[in-house]
Amino acid sequence: MKKERIGLFGGTFNPIHRGHLRAAETVQKRLLLDKILFIPSYIPPHKESVEIASPFHRLKMVELTLESYPKFLPSSIEIEARGKSYSIITLNKIKKLYPEASIFFILGIDAFLEIDTWKDHEDVLTRCFFVVISRPGYELKKAKEFLKGKYKERVVELPKTGAEGNELPLTAGIFFLAIDAIDVASTAIREKIRKGDSIKNLVSEPVEAYIRKNRIYQ
C-alpha cells in the first residue's frame, strides 16, 4: 500500500497570496502529494512582529483562499499552540497525527538558507523530506553551496517536468525544485493596501474583500 504523502507549507501568510498558491500547486503535482497543510505561524521566530496581522486574521485568510482547493487544507496547529512557531515542534505533532505518512516540508530557498538558525535544525532535516523551491532573486545553486557534508549528498535537483512523483528517489531526502514563480511578496501587497492601491489578482477575491472589510494593514 502506497504511503500517504503530506506536504507541510508553513509561513506567516501575511497575507496569503497567489505566489503561495502557485508554489504549492507546482509541488503538489510534481511530487504527487495527497494533500498540503498550510500552517500559519503564531509568532514567527525569525520575523519582526510590527506589521504582522493577528493570527486569527491570517488563519481566516488562509481558510478563505483554500476553499476551492480540495488538496490544500488550512491547519491551526501552530496558532493553537500560542507560542513561538518552531518547525521541530510542529513536525513532531504532525508525525503523531499522521504516523504512517511521508512528510514533505516545503519552503522557499530564502528560508532554507537560514535553516542553521532554526531550533534543532539537524533533527528537522533528518526526520522528513524537504522540498526547496526557487524564488525570484534567489538561485538554487546557492542552496547547494550552503549545504555541507552528508546533507549535500542527500540532494536531488528535480527538473520542472519529467518523472512523476512515484519515481522520485525517496532516499534523497532533500529535493530542489525550480518553479515558474509569481514575483509577488506579502510586503508589497501590504504597501499597496496602505497606499489604497488595488491588490486585485494578487490575492483571492474573498481575501481582498476580507482585508477591506476588516481594515487589515491600514
Protein backbone atom coordinates (compact mmCIF):
# COMPACT_ATOMS: atom_id res chain seq x y z
CA MET A 1 0.00 0.00 0.00
CA LYS A 2 1.34 3.39 -1.03
CA LYS A 3 2.18 5.72 1.85
CA GLU A 4 0.18 8.90 2.03
CA ARG A 5 2.29 11.92 1.08
CA ILE A 6 1.61 15.08 3.06
CA GLY A 7 3.18 18.44 2.38
CA LEU A 8 3.71 20.99 5.15
CA PHE A 9 3.67 24.57 3.93
CA GLY A 10 4.31 26.89 6.84
CA GLY A 11 4.69 30.63 6.88
CA THR A 12 3.44 33.91 8.19
CA PHE A 13 0.93 34.23 5.32
CA ASN A 14 0.72 37.95 5.96
CA PRO A 15 -1.33 37.79 3.76
CA ILE A 16 -1.51 34.58 1.74
CA HIS A 17 -1.23 35.39 -1.98
CA ARG A 18 -1.16 33.94 -5.49
CA GLY A 19 2.55 33.21 -5.25
CA HIS A 20 1.96 30.82 -2.33
CA LEU A 21 -0.71 29.00 -4.35
CA ARG A 22 1.47 28.73 -7.47
CA ALA A 23 4.30 27.22 -5.43
CA ALA A 24 2.00 24.75 -3.66
CA GLU A 25 0.31 23.67 -6.91
CA THR A 26 3.67 23.02 -8.57
CA VAL A 27 5.00 20.99 -5.64
CA GLN A 28 1.77 19.02 -5.24
CA LYS A 29 1.70 17.96 -8.88
CA ARG A 30 5.43 17.34 -9.22
CA LEU A 31 5.73 15.14 -6.10
CA LEU A 32 2.21 13.67 -6.24
CA LEU A 33 1.36 14.84 -2.74
CA ASP A 34 -2.02 13.67 -1.45
CA LYS A 35 -2.54 16.93 0.39
CA ILE A 36 -0.73 20.02 1.61
CA LEU A 37 -1.32 21.56 5.02
CA PHE A 38 -1.00 25.35 5.05
CA ILE A 39 0.23 26.24 8.55
CA PRO A 40 0.17 29.92 9.55
CA SER A 41 2.64 30.66 12.34
CA TYR A 42 1.51 32.12 15.66
CA ILE A 43 4.72 34.02 16.43
CA PRO A 44 7.34 33.61 13.69
CA PRO A 45 10.76 33.11 15.39
CA HIS A 46 12.68 34.93 12.65
CA LYS A 47 10.48 37.91 11.85
CA GLU A 48 9.72 41.22 13.48
CA SER A 49 6.07 41.40 14.53
CA VAL A 50 5.46 45.09 13.71
CA GLU A 51 3.40 44.54 10.55
CA ILE A 52 2.05 41.07 11.23
CA ALA A 53 -1.74 40.78 11.30
CA SER A 54 -3.33 38.85 14.14
CA PRO A 55 -3.15 35.04 13.96
CA PHE A 56 -6.96 34.94 13.72
CA HIS A 57 -6.98 37.16 10.61
CA ARG A 58 -4.11 35.32 8.92
CA LEU A 59 -5.72 31.91 9.52
CA LYS A 60 -9.07 33.17 8.25
CA MET A 61 -7.44 34.48 5.06
CA VAL A 62 -5.80 31.08 4.52
CA GLU A 63 -9.17 29.35 5.04
CA LEU A 64 -10.91 31.67 2.58
CA THR A 65 -8.19 31.16 -0.04
CA LEU A 66 -8.19 27.36 0.17
CA GLU A 67 -11.95 26.82 -0.06
CA SER A 68 -11.71 25.98 -3.75
CA TYR A 69 -8.58 23.80 -3.45
CA PRO A 70 -9.58 20.32 -2.18
CA LYS A 71 -5.99 19.10 -1.79
CA PHE A 72 -4.95 22.16 0.24
CA LEU A 73 -6.03 22.27 3.88
CA PRO A 74 -5.66 25.05 6.46
CA SER A 75 -4.08 24.00 9.75
CA SER A 76 -4.30 25.92 13.03
CA ILE A 77 -1.77 23.66 14.77
CA GLU A 78 0.78 26.45 15.41
CA ILE A 79 -1.79 29.12 16.23
CA GLU A 80 -3.47 26.84 18.78
CA ALA A 81 -0.11 26.30 20.48
CA ARG A 82 0.03 30.05 21.18
CA GLY A 83 3.81 30.25 21.33
CA LYS A 84 6.81 30.69 19.05
CA SER A 85 6.36 28.55 15.97
CA TYR A 86 9.35 26.23 15.87
CA SER A 87 9.40 23.77 12.97
CA ILE A 88 10.69 20.86 15.06
CA ILE A 89 7.71 21.12 17.43
CA THR A 90 5.22 21.33 14.58
CA LEU A 91 6.86 18.42 12.78
CA ASN A 92 6.66 16.20 15.87
CA LYS A 93 2.96 17.00 16.25
CA ILE A 94 2.23 16.26 12.60
CA LYS A 95 4.08 12.95 12.80
CA LYS A 96 1.86 11.93 15.72
CA LEU A 97 -1.25 12.87 13.75
CA TYR A 98 -0.07 11.04 10.61
CA PRO A 99 2.31 8.30 11.84
CA GLU A 100 2.20 6.30 8.59
CA ALA A 101 2.60 9.20 6.17
CA SER A 102 5.64 10.50 4.34
CA ILE A 103 6.07 14.15 5.31
CA PHE A 104 7.40 16.73 2.84
CA PHE A 105 8.47 20.05 4.35
CA ILE A 106 8.00 22.77 1.70
CA LEU A 107 9.92 26.02 1.92
CA GLY A 108 11.44 28.71 -0.25
CA ILE A 109 15.15 28.91 -0.85
CA ASP A 110 15.39 32.13 1.20
CA ALA A 111 14.09 30.33 4.29
CA PHE A 112 16.27 27.29 3.59
CA LEU A 113 19.41 29.42 3.53
CA GLU A 114 18.65 30.32 7.16
CA ILE A 115 17.97 26.78 8.32
CA ASP A 116 21.07 26.63 10.51
CA THR A 117 19.39 29.26 12.72
CA TRP A 118 16.38 27.01 13.34
CA LYS A 119 15.84 25.22 16.62
CA ASP A 120 17.20 21.62 16.30
CA HIS A 121 17.61 22.08 12.54
CA GLU A 122 19.67 18.92 12.06
CA ASP A 123 16.88 16.88 13.64
CA VAL A 124 14.34 18.51 11.32
CA LEU A 125 16.50 17.72 8.28
CA THR A 126 16.65 14.04 9.12
CA ARG A 127 13.03 13.49 10.18
CA CYS A 128 11.23 14.41 6.95
CA PHE A 129 11.73 15.13 3.27
CA PHE A 130 12.48 18.69 2.24
CA VAL A 131 11.28 20.42 -0.91
CA VAL A 132 13.25 23.63 -1.54
CA ILE A 133 11.64 25.84 -4.15
CA SER A 134 13.18 28.69 -6.11
CA ARG A 135 12.11 32.28 -5.60
CA PRO A 136 12.71 35.40 -7.70
CA GLY A 137 16.13 36.79 -6.82
CA TYR A 138 17.45 33.52 -5.40
CA GLU A 139 19.23 30.73 -7.25
CA LEU A 140 19.01 27.10 -6.20
CA LYS A 141 22.75 26.69 -6.66
CA LYS A 142 23.18 28.97 -3.63
CA ALA A 143 21.41 26.37 -1.53
CA LYS A 144 23.71 23.66 -2.87
CA GLU A 145 26.77 25.67 -1.89
CA PHE A 146 25.24 26.29 1.53
CA LEU A 147 24.85 22.59 2.34
CA LYS A 148 27.74 20.65 3.79
CA GLY A 149 28.75 17.00 4.04
CA LYS A 150 26.02 14.42 4.49
CA TYR A 151 23.24 16.89 3.65
CA LYS A 152 24.79 17.78 0.30
CA GLU A 153 24.88 14.09 -0.59
CA ARG A 154 21.12 13.80 0.00
CA VAL A 155 20.17 16.48 -2.54
CA VAL A 156 18.39 15.74 -5.80
CA GLU A 157 17.61 18.57 -8.20
CA LEU A 158 14.29 17.97 -9.92
CA PRO A 159 13.61 19.30 -13.41
CA LYS A 160 10.34 21.20 -13.81
CA THR A 161 8.94 18.30 -15.80
CA GLY A 162 9.90 14.66 -16.04
CA ALA A 163 9.46 11.59 -13.87
CA GLU A 164 6.28 11.63 -11.85
CA GLY A 165 6.30 11.53 -8.08
CA ASN A 166 6.17 7.74 -7.84
CA GLU A 167 9.59 7.58 -9.47
CA LEU A 168 11.24 10.06 -7.13
CA PRO A 169 14.37 8.82 -5.35
CA LEU A 170 12.94 8.98 -1.82
CA THR A 171 16.30 8.03 -0.35
CA ALA A 172 17.46 11.52 -1.30
CA GLY A 173 15.74 13.48 1.43
CA ILE A 174 16.20 17.00 0.03
CA PHE A 175 14.66 17.98 -3.30
CA PHE A 176 15.45 21.22 -5.12
CA LEU A 177 12.64 22.28 -7.42
CA ALA A 178 12.75 25.28 -9.76
CA ILE A 179 9.29 26.72 -10.32
CA ASP A 180 7.80 29.40 -12.52
CA ALA A 181 7.25 31.65 -9.54
CA ILE A 182 4.97 34.66 -9.46
CA ASP A 183 7.02 37.67 -8.46
CA VAL A 184 4.78 38.90 -5.65
CA ALA A 185 5.55 39.42 -1.97
CA SER A 186 3.37 39.98 1.07
CA THR A 187 5.42 43.10 1.86
CA ALA A 188 4.48 44.69 -1.47
CA ILE A 189 0.82 43.76 -1.01
CA ARG A 190 0.72 45.41 2.42
CA GLU A 191 2.31 48.53 0.97
CA LYS A 192 -0.31 48.68 -1.78
CA ILE A 193 -3.07 48.40 0.81
CA ARG A 194 -1.59 51.26 2.82
CA LYS A 195 -1.47 53.43 -0.29
CA GLY A 196 -5.02 52.49 -1.27
CA ASP A 197 -3.85 50.74 -4.46
CA SER A 198 -5.61 47.73 -5.94
CA ILE A 199 -4.48 44.24 -4.90
CA LYS A 200 -6.73 42.52 -7.42
CA ASN A 201 -5.18 39.31 -8.81
CA LEU A 202 -2.51 39.31 -6.08
CA VAL A 203 -4.77 37.67 -3.51
CA SER A 204 -8.03 35.77 -3.92
CA GLU A 205 -11.24 37.78 -4.18
CA PRO A 206 -12.55 36.57 -0.78
CA VAL A 207 -9.28 37.62 0.87
CA GLU A 208 -9.33 41.02 -0.82
CA ALA A 209 -12.87 41.58 0.48
CA TYR A 210 -11.90 40.35 3.96
CA ILE A 211 -8.92 42.71 4.14
CA ARG A 212 -11.06 45.68 3.11
CA LYS A 213 -13.92 44.81 5.47
CA ASN A 214 -11.64 44.38 8.49
CA ARG A 215 -9.27 47.22 7.56
CA ILE A 216 -6.21 44.98 7.90
CA TYR A 217 -2.80 46.55 7.13
CA GLN A 218 -4.35 50.02 7.01
